[in-house]
Amino acid sequence: MTQQQMINARKILIALVALIAICNSPGAFAQSLITPYYKEADIRQIVEAVAEITGKTFIIDPRVSGQKVTMISSTAMSPEAFY
């Protein structure tokens, strides 16, 4: 193995160790999981929560009001699954 290959291998190893350390830190992914609990919530409230969590924009027709929705999950999910 040449000296340049050893240097490149060390760089890759250092990057992998850093990535593993970041991923294993407490709370690394805790902020990105959602456990929704909406019982007879206004549909606008749920749409606003999805928009805030996913960063997506929703346009709600003014005629959409007063509809109650129940959305309960006992399992934490990613923002993509929540969407």
PDB file of N, CA and C in Angstrom:
ATOM      1  N   MET A   1       0.853  -1.168   0.000  1.00  0.00           N
ATOM      2  CA  MET A   1       0.000   0.000   0.000  1.00  0.00           C
ATOM      3  C   MET A   1       0.904   1.238   0.000  1.00  0.00           C
ATOM      4  N   THR A   2       0.604   2.168  -0.879  1.00  0.00           N
ATOM      5  CA  THR A   2       1.425   3.370  -0.969  1.00  0.00           C
ATOM      6  C   THR A   2       1.086   4.323   0.171  1.00  0.00           C
ATOM      7  N   GLN A   3       1.945   5.298   0.358  1.00  0.00           N
ATOM      8  CA  GLN A   3       1.728   6.273   1.432  1.00  0.00           C
ATOM      9  C   GLN A   3       0.443   7.068   1.186  1.00  0.00           C
ATOM     10  N   GLN A   4       0.154   7.416  -0.052  1.00  0.00           N
ATOM     11  CA  GLN A   4      -1.068   8.172  -0.372  1.00  0.00           C
ATOM     12  C   GLN A   4      -2.312   7.335  -0.073  1.00  0.00           C
ATOM     13  N   GLN A   5      -2.270   6.055  -0.371  1.00  0.00           N
ATOM     14  CA  GLN A   5      -3.398   5.178  -0.080  1.00  0.00           C
ATOM     15  C   GLN A   5      -3.618   5.063   1.425  1.00  0.00           C
ATOM     16  N   MET A   6      -2.537   5.021   2.192  1.00  0.00           N
ATOM     17  CA  MET A   6      -2.664   4.954   3.649  1.00  0.00           C
ATOM     18  C   MET A   6      -3.281   6.239   4.192  1.00  0.00           C
ATOM     19  N   ILE A   7      -2.881   7.369   3.651  1.00  0.00           N
ATOM     20  CA  ILE A   7      -3.445   8.652   4.084  1.00  0.00           C
ATOM     21  C   ILE A   7      -4.941   8.693   3.769  1.00  0.00           C
ATOM     22  N   ASN A   8      -5.314   8.262   2.578  1.00  0.00           N
ATOM     23  CA  ASN A   8      -6.729   8.233   2.199  1.00  0.00           C
ATOM     24  C   ASN A   8      -7.522   7.272   3.084  1.00  0.00           C
ATOM     25  N   ALA A   9      -6.951   6.124   3.389  1.00  0.00           N
ATOM     26  CA  ALA A   9      -7.620   5.154   4.256  1.00  0.00           C
ATOM     27  C   ALA A   9      -7.826   5.730   5.651  1.00  0.00           C
ATOM     28  N   ARG A  10      -6.843   6.456   6.173  1.00  0.00           N
ATOM     29  CA  ARG A  10      -6.974   7.094   7.490  1.00  0.00           C
ATOM     30  C   ARG A  10      -8.072   8.150   7.475  1.00  0.00           C
ATOM     31  N   LYS A  11      -8.141   8.933   6.415  1.00  0.00           N
ATOM     32  CA  LYS A  11      -9.184   9.962   6.309  1.00  0.00           C
ATOM     33  C   LYS A  11     -10.571   9.330   6.327  1.00  0.00           C
ATOM     34  N   ILE A  12     -10.717   8.249   5.584  1.00  0.00           N
ATOM     35  CA  ILE A  12     -12.003   7.550   5.549  1.00  0.00           C
ATOM     36  C   ILE A  12     -12.331   6.979   6.920  1.00  0.00           C
ATOM     37  N   LEU A  13     -11.352   6.388   7.581  1.00  0.00           N
ATOM     38  CA  LEU A  13     -11.557   5.823   8.910  1.00  0.00           C
ATOM     39  C   LEU A  13     -11.962   6.898   9.909  1.00  0.00           C
ATOM     40  N   ILE A  14     -11.299   8.038   9.881  1.00  0.00           N
ATOM     41  CA  ILE A  14     -11.631   9.143  10.787  1.00  0.00           C
ATOM     42  C   ILE A  14     -13.048   9.633  10.520  1.00  0.00           C
ATOM     43  N   ALA A  15     -13.422   9.755   9.255  1.00  0.00           N
ATOM     44  CA  ALA A  15     -14.774  10.198   8.911  1.00  0.00           C
ATOM     45  C   ALA A  15     -15.817   9.202   9.406  1.00  0.00           C
ATOM     46  N   LEU A  16     -15.552   7.913   9.257  1.00  0.00           N
ATOM     47  CA  LEU A  16     -16.491   6.893   9.727  1.00  0.00           C
ATOM     48  C   LEU A  16     -16.628   6.901  11.245  1.00  0.00           C
ATOM     49  N   VAL A  17     -15.521   7.041  11.952  1.00  0.00           N
ATOM     50  CA  VAL A  17     -15.566   7.097  13.415  1.00  0.00           C
ATOM     51  C   VAL A  17     -16.366   8.315  13.865  1.00  0.00           C
ATOM     52  N   ALA A  18     -16.158   9.449  13.224  1.00  0.00           N
ATOM     53  CA  ALA A  18     -16.909  10.657  13.573  1.00  0.00           C
ATOM     54  C   ALA A  18     -18.394  10.468  13.304  1.00  0.00           C
ATOM     55  N   LEU A  19     -18.738   9.865  12.184  1.00  0.00           N
ATOM     56  CA  LEU A  19     -20.136   9.622  11.848  1.00  0.00           C
ATOM     57  C   LEU A  19     -20.793   8.682  12.853  1.00  0.00           C
ATOM     58  N   ILE A  20     -20.105   7.633  13.235  1.00  0.00           N
ATOM     59  CA  ILE A  20     -20.641   6.696  14.227  1.00  0.00           C
ATOM     60  C   ILE A  20     -20.835   7.393  15.567  1.00  0.00           C
ATOM     61  N   ALA A  21     -19.897   8.225  15.965  1.00  0.00           N
ATOM     62  CA  ALA A  21     -20.018   8.948  17.232  1.00  0.00           C
ATOM     63  C   ALA A  21     -21.214   9.882  17.216  1.00  0.00           C
ATOM     64  N   ILE A  22     -21.428  10.560  16.116  1.00  0.00           N
ATOM     65  CA  ILE A  22     -22.569  11.476  16.011  1.00  0.00           C
ATOM     66  C   ILE A  22     -23.876  10.702  16.046  1.00  0.00           C
ATOM     67  N   CYS A  23     -23.958   9.610  15.314  1.00  0.00           N
ATOM     68  CA  CYS A  23     -25.192   8.827  15.247  1.00  0.00           C
ATOM     69  C   CYS A  23     -25.521   8.145  16.567  1.00  0.00           C
ATOM     70  N   ASN A  24     -24.516   7.817  17.353  1.00  0.00           N
ATOM     71  CA  ASN A  24     -24.754   7.137  18.624  1.00  0.00           C
ATOM     72  C   ASN A  24     -24.936   8.089  19.794  1.00  0.00           C
ATOM     73  N   SER A  25     -24.831   9.372  19.550  1.00  0.00           N
ATOM     74  CA  SER A  25     -24.997  10.314  20.652  1.00  0.00           C
ATOM     75  C   SER A  25     -26.461  10.346  21.079  1.00  0.00           C
ATOM     76  N   PRO A  26     -26.715  10.510  22.398  1.00  0.00           N
ATOM     77  CA  PRO A  26     -28.095  10.544  22.880  1.00  0.00           C
ATOM     78  C   PRO A  26     -28.854  11.683  22.224  1.00  0.00           C
ATOM     79  N   GLY A  27     -30.042  11.372  21.756  1.00  0.00           N
ATOM     80  CA  GLY A  27     -30.885  12.392  21.158  1.00  0.00           C
ATOM     81  C   GLY A  27     -30.558  12.723  19.720  1.00  0.00           C
ATOM     82  N   ALA A  28     -29.678  11.980  19.094  1.00  0.00           N
ATOM     83  CA  ALA A  28     -29.306  12.292  17.712  1.00  0.00           C
ATOM     84  C   ALA A  28     -30.507  12.206  16.780  1.00  0.00           C
ATOM     85  N   PHE A  29     -31.366  11.223  17.003  1.00  0.00           N
ATOM     86  CA  PHE A  29     -32.533  11.080  16.150  1.00  0.00           C
ATOM     87  C   PHE A  29     -33.835  11.321  16.906  1.00  0.00           C
ATOM     88  N   ALA A  30     -33.760  11.552  18.205  1.00  0.00           N
ATOM     89  CA  ALA A  30     -34.971  11.720  18.999  1.00  0.00           C
ATOM     90  C   ALA A  30     -35.792  12.907  18.533  1.00  0.00           C
ATOM     91  N   GLN A  31     -35.133  13.947  18.060  1.00  0.00           N
ATOM     92  CA  GLN A  31     -35.852  15.136  17.645  1.00  0.00           C
ATOM     93  C   GLN A  31     -36.595  14.914  16.337  1.00  0.00           C
ATOM     94  N   SER A  32     -36.212  13.921  15.574  1.00  0.00           N
ATOM     95  CA  SER A  32     -36.831  13.735  14.277  1.00  0.00           C
ATOM     96  C   SER A  32     -37.979  12.722  14.296  1.00  0.00           C
ATOM     97  N   LEU A  33     -38.313  12.177  15.451  1.00  0.00           N
ATOM     98  CA  LEU A  33     -39.415  11.227  15.538  1.00  0.00           C
ATOM     99  C   LEU A  33     -40.644  11.889  16.149  1.00  0.00           C
ATOM    100  N   ILE A  34     -41.798  11.544  15.629  1.00  0.00           N
ATOM    101  CA  ILE A  34     -43.061  12.121  16.080  1.00  0.00           C
ATOM    102  C   ILE A  34     -43.981  10.986  16.497  1.00  0.00           C
ATOM    103  N   THR A  35     -44.676  11.165  17.605  1.00  0.00           N
ATOM    104  CA  THR A  35     -45.718  10.233  18.016  1.00  0.00           C
ATOM    105  C   THR A  35     -47.016  11.026  18.089  1.00  0.00           C
ATOM    106  N   PRO A  36     -47.753  11.085  16.980  1.00  0.00           N
ATOM    107  CA  PRO A  36     -48.942  11.933  16.948  1.00  0.00           C
ATOM    108  C   PRO A  36     -50.061  11.407  17.837  1.00  0.00           C
ATOM    109  N   TYR A  37     -50.725  12.352  18.503  1.00  0.00           N
ATOM    110  CA  TYR A  37     -51.906  12.026  19.300  1.00  0.00           C
ATOM    111  C   TYR A  37     -52.893  13.175  19.127  1.00  0.00           C
ATOM    112  N   TYR A  38     -53.783  13.009  18.203  1.00  0.00           N
ATOM    113  CA  TYR A  38     -54.816  14.010  17.937  1.00  0.00           C
ATOM    114  C   TYR A  38     -56.164  13.310  18.057  1.00  0.00           C
ATOM    115  N   LYS A  39     -56.913  13.649  19.079  1.00  0.00           N
ATOM    116  CA  LYS A  39     -58.223  13.034  19.291  1.00  0.00           C
ATOM    117  C   LYS A  39     -59.289  14.091  19.043  1.00  0.00           C
ATOM    118  N   GLU A  40     -60.088  13.862  18.012  1.00  0.00           N
ATOM    119  CA  GLU A  40     -61.129  14.786  17.584  1.00  0.00           C
ATOM    120  C   GLU A  40     -60.582  16.206  17.437  1.00  0.00           C
ATOM    121  N   ALA A  41     -59.440  16.299  16.791  1.00  0.00           N
ATOM    122  CA  ALA A  41     -58.800  17.594  16.560  1.00  0.00           C
ATOM    123  C   ALA A  41     -59.336  18.202  15.272  1.00  0.00           C
ATOM    124  N   ASP A  42     -59.323  19.516  15.216  1.00  0.00           N
ATOM    125  CA  ASP A  42     -59.702  20.207  13.987  1.00  0.00           C
ATOM    126  C   ASP A  42     -58.691  19.838  12.908  1.00  0.00           C
ATOM    127  N   ILE A  43     -59.160  19.555  11.721  1.00  0.00           N
ATOM    128  CA  ILE A  43     -58.271  19.123  10.640  1.00  0.00           C
ATOM    129  C   ILE A  43     -57.208  20.170  10.338  1.00  0.00           C
ATOM    130  N   ARG A  44     -57.529  21.442  10.521  1.00  0.00           N
ATOM    131  CA  ARG A  44     -56.549  22.510  10.287  1.00  0.00           C
ATOM    132  C   ARG A  44     -55.370  22.392  11.262  1.00  0.00           C
ATOM    133  N   GLN A  45     -55.654  21.981  12.496  1.00  0.00           N
ATOM    134  CA  GLN A  45     -54.597  21.815  13.498  1.00  0.00           C
ATOM    135  C   GLN A  45     -53.604  20.737  13.051  1.00  0.00           C
ATOM    136  N   ILE A  46     -54.109  19.650  12.513  1.00  0.00           N
ATOM    137  CA  ILE A  46     -53.237  18.571  12.058  1.00  0.00           C
ATOM    138  C   ILE A  46     -52.439  19.008  10.831  1.00  0.00           C
ATOM    139  N   VAL A  47     -53.087  19.691   9.903  1.00  0.00           N
ATOM    140  CA  VAL A  47     -52.382  20.169   8.709  1.00  0.00           C
ATOM    141  C   VAL A  47     -51.273  21.135   9.105  1.00  0.00           C
ATOM    142  N   GLU A  48     -51.542  22.020  10.056  1.00  0.00           N
ATOM    143  CA  GLU A  48     -50.517  22.959  10.525  1.00  0.00           C
ATOM    144  C   GLU A  48     -49.346  22.220  11.175  1.00  0.00           C
ATOM    145  N   ALA A  49     -49.638  21.165  11.940  1.00  0.00           N
ATOM    146  CA  ALA A  49     -48.570  20.382  12.576  1.00  0.00           C
ATOM    147  C   ALA A  49     -47.716  19.684  11.521  1.00  0.00           C
ATOM    148  N   VAL A  50     -48.359  19.096  10.525  1.00  0.00           N
ATOM    149  CA  VAL A  50     -47.615  18.422   9.453  1.00  0.00           C
ATOM    150  C   VAL A  50     -46.751  19.431   8.700  1.00  0.00           C
ATOM    151  N   ALA A  51     -47.295  20.603   8.438  1.00  0.00           N
ATOM    152  CA  ALA A  51     -46.536  21.644   7.733  1.00  0.00           C
ATOM    153  C   ALA A  51     -45.316  22.075   8.537  1.00  0.00           C
ATOM    154  N   GLU A  52     -45.499  22.258   9.835  1.00  0.00           N
ATOM    155  CA  GLU A  52     -44.391  22.696  10.690  1.00  0.00           C
ATOM    156  C   GLU A  52     -43.291  21.638  10.772  1.00  0.00           C
ATOM    157  N   ILE A  53     -43.688  20.392  10.924  1.00  0.00           N
ATOM    158  CA  ILE A  53     -42.717  19.312  11.099  1.00  0.00           C
ATOM    159  C   ILE A  53     -41.982  18.981   9.799  1.00  0.00           C
ATOM    160  N   THR A  54     -42.697  19.007   8.679  1.00  0.00           N
ATOM    161  CA  THR A  54     -42.086  18.611   7.408  1.00  0.00           C
ATOM    162  C   THR A  54     -41.496  19.773   6.626  1.00  0.00           C
ATOM    163  N   GLY A  55     -41.897  20.993   6.977  1.00  0.00           N
ATOM    164  CA  GLY A  55     -41.419  22.152   6.228  1.00  0.00           C
ATOM    165  C   GLY A  55     -42.146  22.335   4.904  1.00  0.00           C
ATOM    166  N   LYS A  56     -43.222  21.605   4.711  1.00  0.00           N
ATOM    167  CA  LYS A  56     -44.005  21.713   3.478  1.00  0.00           C
ATOM    168  C   LYS A  56     -45.088  22.777   3.650  1.00  0.00           C
ATOM    169  N   THR A  57     -45.521  23.335   2.536  1.00  0.00           N
ATOM    170  CA  THR A  57     -46.569  24.350   2.542  1.00  0.00           C
ATOM    171  C   THR A  57     -47.874  23.718   2.081  1.00  0.00           C
ATOM    172  N   PHE A  58     -48.942  23.996   2.812  1.00  0.00           N
ATOM    173  CA  PHE A  58     -50.263  23.495   2.456  1.00  0.00           C
ATOM    174  C   PHE A  58     -51.202  24.681   2.287  1.00  0.00           C
ATOM    175  N   ILE A  59     -52.056  24.603   1.303  1.00  0.00           N
ATOM    176  CA  ILE A  59     -53.091  25.614   1.104  1.00  0.00           C
ATOM    177  C   ILE A  59     -54.413  24.924   1.397  1.00  0.00           C
ATOM    178  N   ILE A  60     -55.115  25.443   2.395  1.00  0.00           N
ATOM    179  CA  ILE A  60     -56.369  24.827   2.829  1.00  0.00           C
ATOM    180  C   ILE A  60     -57.526  25.653   2.294  1.00  0.00           C
ATOM    181  N   ASP A  61     -58.433  24.999   1.630  1.00  0.00           N
ATOM    182  CA  ASP A  61     -59.623  25.666   1.112  1.00  0.00           C
ATOM    183  C   ASP A  61     -60.421  26.232   2.287  1.00  0.00           C
ATOM    184  N   PRO A  62     -60.922  27.450   2.173  1.00  0.00           N
ATOM    185  CA  PRO A  62     -61.696  28.049   3.272  1.00  0.00           C
ATOM    186  C   PRO A  62     -62.927  27.230   3.664  1.00  0.00           C
ATOM    187  N   ARG A  63     -63.418  26.412   2.752  1.00  0.00           N
ATOM    188  CA  ARG A  63     -64.589  25.591   3.072  1.00  0.00           C
ATOM    189  C   ARG A  63     -64.244  24.425   3.993  1.00  0.00           C
ATOM    190  N   VAL A  64     -62.952  24.179   4.171  1.00  0.00           N
ATOM    191  CA  VAL A  64     -62.523  23.106   5.074  1.00  0.00           C
ATOM    192  C   VAL A  64     -62.454  23.689   6.477  1.00  0.00           C
ATOM    193  N   SER A  65     -63.470  23.423   7.240  1.00  0.00           N
ATOM    194  CA  SER A  65     -63.491  23.886   8.634  1.00  0.00           C
ATOM    195  C   SER A  65     -64.496  23.052   9.408  1.00  0.00           C
ATOM    196  N   GLY A  66     -64.207  22.884  10.663  1.00  0.00           N
ATOM    197  CA  GLY A  66     -65.122  22.159  11.525  1.00  0.00           C
ATOM    198  C   GLY A  66     -65.014  20.644  11.436  1.00  0.00           C
ATOM    199  N   GLN A  67     -64.196  20.120  10.533  1.00  0.00           N
ATOM    200  CA  GLN A  67     -64.044  18.676  10.440  1.00  0.00           C
ATOM    201  C   GLN A  67     -63.127  18.202  11.560  1.00  0.00           C
ATOM    202  N   LYS A  68     -63.591  17.222  12.304  1.00  0.00           N
ATOM    203  CA  LYS A  68     -62.805  16.661  13.399  1.00  0.00           C
ATOM    204  C   LYS A  68     -62.144  15.370  12.930  1.00  0.00           C
ATOM    205  N   VAL A  69     -60.879  15.224  13.292  1.00  0.00           N
ATOM    206  CA  VAL A  69     -60.094  14.069  12.864  1.00  0.00           C
ATOM    207  C   VAL A  69     -59.415  13.468  14.083  1.00  0.00           C
ATOM    208  N   THR A  70     -59.354  12.145  14.121  1.00  0.00           N
ATOM    209  CA  THR A  70     -58.594  11.459  15.160  1.00  0.00           C
ATOM    210  C   THR A  70     -57.408  10.770  14.495  1.00  0.00           C
ATOM    211  N   MET A  71     -56.231  11.068  15.024  1.00  0.00           N
ATOM    212  CA  MET A  71     -54.994  10.479  14.496  1.00  0.00           C
ATOM    213  C   MET A  71     -54.128  10.125  15.693  1.00  0.00           C
ATOM    214  N   ILE A  72     -54.071   8.845  16.030  1.00  0.00           N
ATOM    215  CA  ILE A  72     -53.330   8.388  17.199  1.00  0.00           C
ATOM    216  C   ILE A  72     -52.376   7.280  16.765  1.00  0.00           C
ATOM    217  N   SER A  73     -51.127   7.407  17.185  1.00  0.00           N
ATOM    218  CA  SER A  73     -50.137   6.378  16.888  1.00  0.00           C
ATOM    219  C   SER A  73     -49.357   6.072  18.158  1.00  0.00           C
ATOM    220  N   SER A  74     -49.207   4.810  18.463  1.00  0.00           N
ATOM    221  CA  SER A  74     -48.406   4.424  19.626  1.00  0.00           C
ATOM    222  C   SER A  74     -46.941   4.237  19.246  1.00  0.00           C
ATOM    223  N   THR A  75     -46.665   4.327  17.955  1.00  0.00           N
ATOM    224  CA  THR A  75     -45.309   4.142  17.454  1.00  0.00           C
ATOM    225  C   THR A  75     -44.765   5.463  16.930  1.00  0.00           C
ATOM    226  N   ALA A  76     -43.545   5.781  17.327  1.00  0.00           N
ATOM    227  CA  ALA A  76     -42.903   6.992  16.821  1.00  0.00           C
ATOM    228  C   ALA A  76     -42.621   6.824  15.334  1.00  0.00           C
ATOM    229  N   MET A  77     -42.720   7.929  14.610  1.00  0.00           N
ATOM    230  CA  MET A  77     -42.505   7.873  13.166  1.00  0.00           C
ATOM    231  C   MET A  77     -41.682   9.057  12.694  1.00  0.00           C
ATOM    232  N   SER A  78     -41.114   8.903  11.533  1.00  0.00           N
ATOM    233  CA  SER A  78     -40.309   9.967  10.941  1.00  0.00           C
ATOM    234  C   SER A  78     -41.240  11.050  10.396  1.00  0.00           C
ATOM    235  N   PRO A  79     -40.708  12.240  10.141  1.00  0.00           N
ATOM    236  CA  PRO A  79     -41.531  13.281   9.522  1.00  0.00           C
ATOM    237  C   PRO A  79     -42.119  12.832   8.182  1.00  0.00           C
ATOM    238  N   GLU A  80     -41.377  12.037   7.419  1.00  0.00           N
ATOM    239  CA  GLU A  80     -41.886  11.555   6.136  1.00  0.00           C
ATOM    240  C   GLU A  80     -43.098  10.643   6.332  1.00  0.00           C
ATOM    241  N   ALA A  81     -43.046   9.785   7.332  1.00  0.00           N
ATOM    242  CA  ALA A  81     -44.180   8.903   7.614  1.00  0.00           C
ATOM    243  C   ALA A  81     -45.360   9.701   8.151  1.00  0.00           C
ATOM    244  N   PHE A  82     -45.086  10.732   8.930  1.00  0.00           N
ATOM    245  CA  PHE A  82     -46.138  11.593   9.464  1.00  0.00           C
ATOM    246  C   PHE A  82     -46.847  12.313   8.329  1.00  0.00           C
ATOM    247  N   TYR A  83     -46.104  12.684   7.293  1.00  0.00           N
ATOM    248  CA  TYR A  83     -46.655  13.353   6.120  1.00  0.00           C
ATOM    249  C   TYR A  83     -47.560  12.401   5.369  1.00  0.00           C
TER     250      TYR A  83
END
